[in-house]
Amino acid sequence: MKYLYFAIVFLVALAGCGGGGGHRDPLNITGSAELTLADNENVDDSLYESQSFEATRNGWVQVTMSSTDLDPYILVYSGTDENNEVGHDDDSGTSQNSVFFFSAEKDHTYTVKFTTYGSGAKTGHYTFTIKEVTGPDTKNQAIMLNSAKPIQDPAMKRSK
């Protein structure tokens, strides 16, 4: 059922794109979902769901994941290959929520993995957005958010 929901959200986002190579509306996918024990499992036993999309233009994309049930963690990949990570975020949003900005290439496919961070709750409801953003502050926001904290990766340990 959840896969049908993601498919419908994706098709609705693409509905205004038109054909013939003309102008396409900016990407704007929003939704709510739930991580359950039936979802895919990461190597660290955390659960995840993923969403692939195609950028409609060159420019910045903002991905958010918010929840009061779990500690959101976002990973973004170029294409569908997990070896081509664009980046990730744990707590750049409010509270423990995740916000990640990255520079996307028009017509390129990206995959977002929505998962959890740490040893807290593995299951729960969350909301998400994947949208192309414009405006004079976008680049500054991306630099500020993605460089303000050290990269946090559950698989890596930092030495002091």
N, C-alpha and C. Protein backbone atom coordinates (compact mmCIF):
# COMPACT_ATOMS: atom_id res chain seq x y z
N MET A 1 0.82 -1.19 0.00
CA MET A 1 0.00 0.00 0.00
C MET A 1 0.87 1.26 0.00
N LYS A 2 1.96 1.25 0.82
CA LYS A 2 2.80 2.44 0.88
C LYS A 2 3.49 2.70 -0.45
N TYR A 3 3.81 1.62 -1.20
CA TYR A 3 4.45 1.80 -2.49
C TYR A 3 3.49 2.46 -3.48
N LEU A 4 2.22 2.10 -3.38
CA LEU A 4 1.20 2.74 -4.21
C LEU A 4 1.13 4.22 -3.87
N TYR A 5 1.18 4.55 -2.58
CA TYR A 5 1.14 5.94 -2.15
C TYR A 5 2.31 6.72 -2.74
N PHE A 6 3.55 6.18 -2.63
CA PHE A 6 4.71 6.86 -3.19
C PHE A 6 4.57 7.02 -4.70
N ALA A 7 4.04 6.01 -5.39
CA ALA A 7 3.87 6.10 -6.83
C ALA A 7 2.88 7.20 -7.19
N ILE A 8 1.79 7.31 -6.43
CA ILE A 8 0.79 8.35 -6.69
C ILE A 8 1.39 9.72 -6.45
N VAL A 9 2.12 9.89 -5.33
CA VAL A 9 2.75 11.18 -5.02
C VAL A 9 3.71 11.57 -6.14
N PHE A 10 4.50 10.61 -6.62
CA PHE A 10 5.47 10.88 -7.66
C PHE A 10 4.77 11.27 -8.96
N LEU A 11 3.70 10.56 -9.32
CA LEU A 11 2.98 10.88 -10.55
C LEU A 11 2.31 12.25 -10.47
N VAL A 12 1.77 12.58 -9.31
CA VAL A 12 1.16 13.90 -9.13
C VAL A 12 2.21 14.99 -9.29
N ALA A 13 3.41 14.75 -8.75
CA ALA A 13 4.49 15.73 -8.88
C ALA A 13 4.90 15.93 -10.33
N LEU A 14 4.81 14.88 -11.13
CA LEU A 14 5.20 14.97 -12.53
C LEU A 14 4.08 15.42 -13.46
N ALA A 15 2.86 15.48 -12.96
CA ALA A 15 1.70 15.73 -13.81
C ALA A 15 1.81 17.03 -14.62
N GLY A 16 2.40 18.06 -14.05
CA GLY A 16 2.49 19.33 -14.77
C GLY A 16 3.70 19.45 -15.67
N CYS A 17 4.43 18.39 -15.88
CA CYS A 17 5.69 18.49 -16.61
C CYS A 17 5.52 18.68 -18.10
N GLY A 18 4.42 18.23 -18.68
CA GLY A 18 4.21 18.40 -20.12
C GLY A 18 5.15 17.56 -20.94
N GLY A 19 5.06 17.69 -22.25
CA GLY A 19 5.92 16.89 -23.12
C GLY A 19 6.66 17.78 -24.08
N GLY A 20 7.41 17.19 -24.97
CA GLY A 20 8.06 17.92 -26.03
C GLY A 20 9.24 18.76 -25.60
N GLY A 21 9.80 18.52 -24.41
CA GLY A 21 11.01 19.23 -24.01
C GLY A 21 10.78 20.66 -23.56
N GLY A 22 9.53 21.07 -23.35
CA GLY A 22 9.25 22.42 -22.91
C GLY A 22 9.54 22.60 -21.44
N HIS A 23 9.06 23.69 -20.87
CA HIS A 23 9.27 24.00 -19.46
C HIS A 23 8.58 22.96 -18.58
N ARG A 24 9.29 22.52 -17.57
CA ARG A 24 8.69 21.61 -16.59
C ARG A 24 8.57 22.35 -15.27
N ASP A 25 7.49 22.07 -14.55
CA ASP A 25 7.30 22.68 -13.24
C ASP A 25 8.38 22.20 -12.29
N PRO A 26 8.75 23.03 -11.31
CA PRO A 26 9.75 22.60 -10.33
C PRO A 26 9.29 21.37 -9.57
N LEU A 27 10.23 20.55 -9.20
CA LEU A 27 9.99 19.35 -8.43
C LEU A 27 9.45 19.74 -7.06
N ASN A 28 8.40 19.08 -6.60
CA ASN A 28 7.85 19.33 -5.27
C ASN A 28 7.08 18.09 -4.83
N ILE A 29 7.79 17.20 -4.13
CA ILE A 29 7.18 15.97 -3.63
C ILE A 29 7.06 16.10 -2.12
N THR A 30 5.86 15.92 -1.60
CA THR A 30 5.65 15.94 -0.16
C THR A 30 4.84 14.71 0.22
N GLY A 31 4.99 14.27 1.43
CA GLY A 31 4.21 13.13 1.87
C GLY A 31 4.44 12.79 3.32
N SER A 32 3.70 11.80 3.76
CA SER A 32 3.91 11.23 5.08
C SER A 32 3.97 9.72 4.91
N ALA A 33 4.75 9.09 5.75
CA ALA A 33 4.94 7.65 5.63
C ALA A 33 5.24 7.10 7.02
N GLU A 34 5.51 5.81 7.06
CA GLU A 34 5.80 5.16 8.33
C GLU A 34 6.87 4.09 8.12
N LEU A 35 7.88 4.13 8.96
CA LEU A 35 8.86 3.04 8.98
C LEU A 35 8.27 1.92 9.83
N THR A 36 8.20 0.73 9.26
CA THR A 36 7.65 -0.43 9.97
C THR A 36 8.65 -1.57 9.89
N LEU A 37 8.41 -2.60 10.67
CA LEU A 37 9.29 -3.76 10.68
C LEU A 37 9.31 -4.48 9.34
N ALA A 38 8.34 -4.18 8.47
CA ALA A 38 8.29 -4.80 7.13
C ALA A 38 9.16 -4.07 6.12
N ASP A 39 9.76 -2.93 6.50
CA ASP A 39 10.57 -2.14 5.57
C ASP A 39 11.96 -2.75 5.37
N ASN A 40 12.69 -2.18 4.41
CA ASN A 40 14.07 -2.60 4.14
C ASN A 40 14.94 -2.36 5.36
N GLU A 41 16.02 -3.12 5.46
CA GLU A 41 16.91 -3.00 6.60
C GLU A 41 18.32 -2.63 6.16
N ASN A 42 18.91 -1.61 6.83
CA ASN A 42 20.30 -1.22 6.60
C ASN A 42 21.24 -2.22 7.27
N VAL A 43 22.52 -2.10 6.98
CA VAL A 43 23.51 -2.99 7.60
C VAL A 43 23.58 -2.80 9.11
N ASP A 44 23.18 -1.62 9.62
CA ASP A 44 23.20 -1.37 11.06
C ASP A 44 21.87 -1.74 11.73
N ASP A 45 21.01 -2.47 11.02
CA ASP A 45 19.70 -2.93 11.49
C ASP A 45 18.64 -1.83 11.55
N SER A 46 18.96 -0.59 11.15
CA SER A 46 17.93 0.43 11.07
C SER A 46 17.08 0.17 9.83
N LEU A 47 15.87 0.67 9.86
CA LEU A 47 14.92 0.46 8.76
C LEU A 47 14.97 1.66 7.83
N TYR A 48 14.57 1.46 6.57
CA TYR A 48 14.53 2.60 5.65
C TYR A 48 13.49 2.40 4.56
N GLU A 49 13.08 3.53 4.00
CA GLU A 49 12.28 3.59 2.79
C GLU A 49 13.02 4.54 1.85
N SER A 50 12.86 4.34 0.55
CA SER A 50 13.57 5.20 -0.39
C SER A 50 12.61 5.78 -1.42
N GLN A 51 13.01 6.89 -1.99
CA GLN A 51 12.23 7.61 -3.01
C GLN A 51 13.20 8.09 -4.07
N SER A 52 12.99 7.69 -5.32
CA SER A 52 13.81 8.19 -6.43
C SER A 52 13.06 9.29 -7.16
N PHE A 53 13.81 10.23 -7.73
CA PHE A 53 13.20 11.32 -8.48
C PHE A 53 14.19 11.82 -9.51
N GLU A 54 13.68 12.56 -10.47
CA GLU A 54 14.51 13.17 -11.51
C GLU A 54 14.43 14.69 -11.36
N ALA A 55 15.59 15.34 -11.29
CA ALA A 55 15.62 16.81 -11.18
C ALA A 55 15.09 17.41 -12.47
N THR A 56 14.25 18.44 -12.35
CA THR A 56 13.67 19.07 -13.53
C THR A 56 14.51 20.22 -14.07
N ARG A 57 15.55 20.60 -13.31
CA ARG A 57 16.45 21.67 -13.76
C ARG A 57 17.74 21.61 -12.96
N ASN A 58 18.77 22.31 -13.43
CA ASN A 58 20.00 22.46 -12.66
C ASN A 58 19.71 23.39 -11.49
N GLY A 59 20.18 23.06 -10.32
CA GLY A 59 19.98 23.94 -9.18
C GLY A 59 19.87 23.17 -7.88
N TRP A 60 19.45 23.89 -6.85
CA TRP A 60 19.41 23.34 -5.50
C TRP A 60 18.15 22.54 -5.25
N VAL A 61 18.32 21.44 -4.54
CA VAL A 61 17.20 20.61 -4.07
C VAL A 61 17.28 20.56 -2.56
N GLN A 62 16.13 20.69 -1.91
CA GLN A 62 16.04 20.60 -0.46
C GLN A 62 15.27 19.33 -0.12
N VAL A 63 15.83 18.51 0.77
CA VAL A 63 15.16 17.30 1.24
C VAL A 63 14.98 17.45 2.75
N THR A 64 13.76 17.20 3.24
CA THR A 64 13.51 17.26 4.68
C THR A 64 12.85 15.97 5.14
N MET A 65 13.08 15.64 6.39
CA MET A 65 12.42 14.51 7.06
C MET A 65 12.17 14.94 8.49
N SER A 66 10.90 14.87 8.92
CA SER A 66 10.53 15.31 10.26
C SER A 66 9.72 14.22 10.96
N SER A 67 9.93 14.09 12.27
CA SER A 67 9.19 13.09 13.04
C SER A 67 9.26 13.40 14.53
N THR A 68 8.20 13.05 15.24
CA THR A 68 8.23 13.08 16.70
C THR A 68 8.38 11.67 17.25
N ASP A 69 8.33 10.66 16.36
CA ASP A 69 8.43 9.26 16.78
C ASP A 69 9.85 8.72 16.76
N LEU A 70 10.71 9.27 15.90
CA LEU A 70 12.05 8.72 15.71
C LEU A 70 13.02 9.83 15.37
N ASP A 71 14.31 9.52 15.32
CA ASP A 71 15.36 10.49 14.98
C ASP A 71 15.65 10.37 13.48
N PRO A 72 15.10 11.27 12.66
CA PRO A 72 15.25 11.16 11.20
C PRO A 72 16.69 11.28 10.73
N TYR A 73 16.99 10.54 9.67
CA TYR A 73 18.31 10.56 9.04
C TYR A 73 18.10 10.42 7.54
N ILE A 74 18.68 11.34 6.76
CA ILE A 74 18.52 11.36 5.30
C ILE A 74 19.85 11.00 4.64
N LEU A 75 19.80 10.15 3.63
CA LEU A 75 20.95 9.89 2.76
C LEU A 75 20.49 10.13 1.33
N VAL A 76 21.31 10.80 0.53
CA VAL A 76 20.97 11.08 -0.87
C VAL A 76 22.04 10.45 -1.76
N TYR A 77 21.59 9.74 -2.79
CA TYR A 77 22.50 9.07 -3.72
C TYR A 77 22.26 9.57 -5.14
N SER A 78 23.34 9.62 -5.91
CA SER A 78 23.24 9.91 -7.33
C SER A 78 22.83 8.62 -8.01
N GLY A 79 21.73 8.64 -8.75
CA GLY A 79 21.19 7.42 -9.35
C GLY A 79 20.58 6.55 -8.28
N THR A 80 20.73 5.24 -8.42
CA THR A 80 20.20 4.32 -7.43
C THR A 80 21.31 3.53 -6.74
N ASP A 81 22.56 3.87 -7.02
CA ASP A 81 23.71 3.15 -6.50
C ASP A 81 24.14 3.75 -5.16
N GLU A 82 24.07 2.97 -4.09
CA GLU A 82 24.43 3.46 -2.76
C GLU A 82 25.93 3.77 -2.63
N ASN A 83 26.72 3.40 -3.61
CA ASN A 83 28.14 3.75 -3.59
C ASN A 83 28.38 5.18 -4.08
N ASN A 84 27.35 5.83 -4.61
CA ASN A 84 27.46 7.20 -5.13
C ASN A 84 26.71 8.18 -4.23
N GLU A 85 27.11 8.26 -2.97
CA GLU A 85 26.43 9.13 -2.02
C GLU A 85 26.72 10.60 -2.31
N VAL A 86 25.67 11.40 -2.41
CA VAL A 86 25.79 12.84 -2.56
C VAL A 86 26.03 13.47 -1.19
N GLY A 87 25.35 12.97 -0.18
CA GLY A 87 25.51 13.48 1.18
C GLY A 87 24.43 12.95 2.09
N HIS A 88 24.48 13.39 3.34
CA HIS A 88 23.51 12.93 4.33
C HIS A 88 23.34 13.98 5.42
N ASP A 89 22.30 13.82 6.22
CA ASP A 89 22.05 14.76 7.31
C ASP A 89 21.34 14.06 8.45
N ASP A 90 21.69 14.49 9.66
CA ASP A 90 21.04 13.97 10.85
C ASP A 90 20.17 15.05 11.50
N ASP A 91 20.75 16.10 12.02
CA ASP A 91 20.00 17.04 12.86
C ASP A 91 20.06 18.50 12.41
N SER A 92 20.16 18.80 11.13
CA SER A 92 20.25 20.19 10.69
C SER A 92 18.92 20.92 10.76
N GLY A 93 17.82 20.18 10.87
CA GLY A 93 16.51 20.80 11.01
C GLY A 93 16.24 21.13 12.46
N THR A 94 15.01 21.54 12.76
CA THR A 94 14.64 21.83 14.14
C THR A 94 14.58 20.53 14.93
N SER A 95 14.91 20.61 16.21
CA SER A 95 14.93 19.45 17.09
C SER A 95 15.87 18.40 16.49
N GLN A 96 15.39 17.17 16.30
CA GLN A 96 16.23 16.12 15.71
C GLN A 96 15.89 15.90 14.24
N ASN A 97 15.18 16.81 13.62
CA ASN A 97 14.76 16.63 12.23
C ASN A 97 15.90 16.90 11.26
N SER A 98 15.77 16.36 10.06
CA SER A 98 16.82 16.44 9.05
C SER A 98 16.44 17.38 7.91
N VAL A 99 17.42 18.16 7.46
CA VAL A 99 17.29 19.02 6.28
C VAL A 99 18.60 18.90 5.51
N PHE A 100 18.50 18.63 4.21
CA PHE A 100 19.71 18.50 3.40
C PHE A 100 19.51 19.23 2.09
N PHE A 101 20.46 20.10 1.71
CA PHE A 101 20.47 20.80 0.43
C PHE A 101 21.58 20.22 -0.42
N PHE A 102 21.35 20.08 -1.72
CA PHE A 102 22.42 19.69 -2.62
C PHE A 102 22.17 20.25 -4.00
N SER A 103 23.23 20.35 -4.78
CA SER A 103 23.15 20.87 -6.13
C SER A 103 22.85 19.71 -7.09
N ALA A 104 21.73 19.81 -7.79
CA ALA A 104 21.28 18.73 -8.68
C ALA A 104 21.47 19.11 -10.15
N GLU A 105 21.62 18.08 -10.98
CA GLU A 105 21.73 18.27 -12.42
C GLU A 105 20.40 17.92 -13.09
N LYS A 106 19.96 18.76 -14.04
CA LYS A 106 18.72 18.54 -14.76
C LYS A 106 18.69 17.15 -15.38
N ASP A 107 17.54 16.49 -15.29
CA ASP A 107 17.27 15.17 -15.87
C ASP A 107 18.07 14.04 -15.24
N HIS A 108 18.79 14.32 -14.14
CA HIS A 108 19.55 13.27 -13.46
C HIS A 108 18.66 12.65 -12.37
N THR A 109 18.77 11.35 -12.18
CA THR A 109 18.00 10.65 -11.16
C THR A 109 18.78 10.62 -9.85
N TYR A 110 18.06 10.87 -8.77
CA TYR A 110 18.61 10.81 -7.42
C TYR A 110 17.70 9.92 -6.58
N THR A 111 18.27 9.31 -5.55
CA THR A 111 17.50 8.49 -4.63
C THR A 111 17.73 8.99 -3.21
N VAL A 112 16.64 9.18 -2.48
CA VAL A 112 16.71 9.59 -1.08
C VAL A 112 16.34 8.38 -0.23
N LYS A 113 17.17 8.12 0.76
CA LYS A 113 16.87 7.06 1.72
C LYS A 113 16.44 7.73 3.02
N PHE A 114 15.21 7.43 3.47
CA PHE A 114 14.68 7.95 4.72
C PHE A 114 14.87 6.86 5.78
N THR A 115 15.64 7.16 6.83
CA THR A 115 15.95 6.17 7.84
C THR A 115 16.06 6.84 9.20
N THR A 116 16.68 6.17 10.17
CA THR A 116 16.82 6.70 11.52
C THR A 116 18.29 6.75 11.91
N TYR A 117 18.58 7.54 12.95
CA TYR A 117 19.95 7.67 13.44
C TYR A 117 20.00 7.19 14.89
N GLY A 118 21.03 6.48 15.22
CA GLY A 118 21.26 6.11 16.61
C GLY A 118 20.47 4.89 17.05
N SER A 119 20.43 4.73 18.37
CA SER A 119 19.85 3.52 18.95
C SER A 119 18.42 3.73 19.42
N GLY A 120 17.81 4.84 19.06
CA GLY A 120 16.43 5.12 19.47
C GLY A 120 15.42 4.29 18.69
N ALA A 121 14.21 4.80 18.63
CA ALA A 121 13.12 4.09 17.95
C ALA A 121 13.46 3.80 16.50
N LYS A 122 13.16 2.59 16.05
CA LYS A 122 13.40 2.19 14.66
C LYS A 122 12.15 2.37 13.80
N THR A 123 10.98 2.42 14.42
CA THR A 123 9.74 2.53 13.68
C THR A 123 8.99 3.80 14.08
N GLY A 124 8.15 4.27 13.18
CA GLY A 124 7.34 5.44 13.49
C GLY A 124 6.97 6.23 12.25
N HIS A 125 6.07 7.18 12.43
CA HIS A 125 5.59 8.04 11.36
C HIS A 125 6.60 9.17 11.10
N TYR A 126 6.62 9.65 9.85
CA TYR A 126 7.44 10.80 9.48
C TYR A 126 6.82 11.49 8.29
N THR A 127 7.20 12.75 8.10
CA THR A 127 6.81 13.50 6.92
C THR A 127 8.08 13.86 6.17
N PHE A 128 7.93 14.11 4.86
CA PHE A 128 9.11 14.43 4.06
C PHE A 128 8.75 15.38 2.94
N THR A 129 9.76 16.10 2.46
CA THR A 129 9.64 16.91 1.25
C THR A 129 10.90 16.72 0.42
N ILE A 130 10.72 16.77 -0.88
CA ILE A 130 11.83 16.81 -1.84
C ILE A 130 11.42 17.91 -2.82
N LYS A 131 12.14 19.03 -2.80
CA LYS A 131 11.72 20.11 -3.68
C LYS A 131 12.91 20.90 -4.19
N GLU A 132 12.75 21.40 -5.42
CA GLU A 132 13.73 22.31 -5.99
C GLU A 132 13.47 23.68 -5.41
N VAL A 133 14.54 24.34 -5.00
CA VAL A 133 14.39 25.64 -4.36
C VAL A 133 15.21 26.68 -5.11
N THR A 134 14.73 27.91 -5.10
CA THR A 134 15.43 29.02 -5.73
C THR A 134 15.46 30.19 -4.76
N GLY A 135 16.18 31.22 -5.12
CA GLY A 135 16.21 32.42 -4.29
C GLY A 135 17.63 32.77 -3.90
N PRO A 136 17.82 34.01 -3.52
CA PRO A 136 19.18 34.49 -3.25
C PRO A 136 19.85 33.83 -2.05
N ASP A 137 19.09 33.32 -1.08
CA ASP A 137 19.68 32.74 0.12
C ASP A 137 19.92 31.24 0.02
N THR A 138 19.50 30.62 -1.05
CA THR A 138 19.56 29.16 -1.14
C THR A 138 20.97 28.63 -1.01
N LYS A 139 21.92 29.18 -1.76
CA LYS A 139 23.30 28.69 -1.70
C LYS A 139 23.89 28.91 -0.32
N ASN A 140 23.64 30.09 0.27
CA ASN A 140 24.15 30.35 1.61
C ASN A 140 23.56 29.40 2.63
N GLN A 141 22.26 29.09 2.50
CA GLN A 141 21.63 28.15 3.42
C GLN A 141 22.28 26.78 3.28
N ALA A 142 22.54 26.34 2.06
CA ALA A 142 23.14 25.03 1.85
C ALA A 142 24.53 24.97 2.46
N ILE A 143 25.32 26.01 2.26
CA ILE A 143 26.67 26.03 2.82
C ILE A 143 26.60 26.04 4.34
N MET A 144 25.70 26.86 4.89
CA MET A 144 25.58 26.97 6.33
C MET A 144 25.11 25.65 6.94
N LEU A 145 24.06 25.07 6.41
CA LEU A 145 23.51 23.85 6.99
C LEU A 145 24.43 22.66 6.85
N ASN A 146 25.07 22.52 5.70
CA ASN A 146 25.86 21.32 5.47
C ASN A 146 27.31 21.44 5.89
N SER A 147 27.72 22.60 6.41
CA SER A 147 29.08 22.70 6.91
C SER A 147 29.11 23.10 8.38
N ALA A 148 27.95 23.40 8.96
CA ALA A 148 27.92 23.84 10.34
C ALA A 148 28.25 22.72 11.31
N LYS A 149 27.96 21.50 10.95
CA LYS A 149 28.22 20.36 11.82
C LYS A 149 29.14 19.39 11.10
N PRO A 150 29.95 18.65 11.86
CA PRO A 150 30.75 17.62 11.21
C PRO A 150 29.83 16.57 10.58
N ILE A 151 30.30 15.93 9.53
CA ILE A 151 29.52 14.87 8.89
C ILE A 151 29.29 13.77 9.91
N GLN A 152 28.06 13.34 10.04
CA GLN A 152 27.71 12.31 10.99
C GLN A 152 27.31 11.06 10.24
N ASP A 153 28.07 10.01 10.42
CA ASP A 153 27.80 8.75 9.74
C ASP A 153 27.85 7.65 10.79
N PRO A 154 26.75 6.92 10.97
CA PRO A 154 26.72 5.90 12.01
C PRO A 154 27.81 4.84 11.85
N ALA A 155 28.32 4.64 10.65
CA ALA A 155 29.32 3.61 10.40
C ALA A 155 30.73 4.08 10.76
N MET A 156 30.90 5.39 10.99
CA MET A 156 32.23 5.93 11.25
C MET A 156 32.36 6.38 12.70
N LYS A 157 33.52 6.19 13.28
CA LYS A 157 33.81 6.67 14.64
C LYS A 157 34.84 7.79 14.52
N ARG A 158 34.63 8.87 15.25
CA ARG A 158 35.57 9.98 15.25
C ARG A 158 36.58 9.78 16.36
N SER A 159 37.84 10.03 16.07
CA SER A 159 38.87 9.97 17.12
C SER A 159 39.12 11.37 17.64
N LYS A 160 39.41 11.47 18.91
CA LYS A 160 39.65 12.79 19.52
C LYS A 160 41.10 13.07 19.63
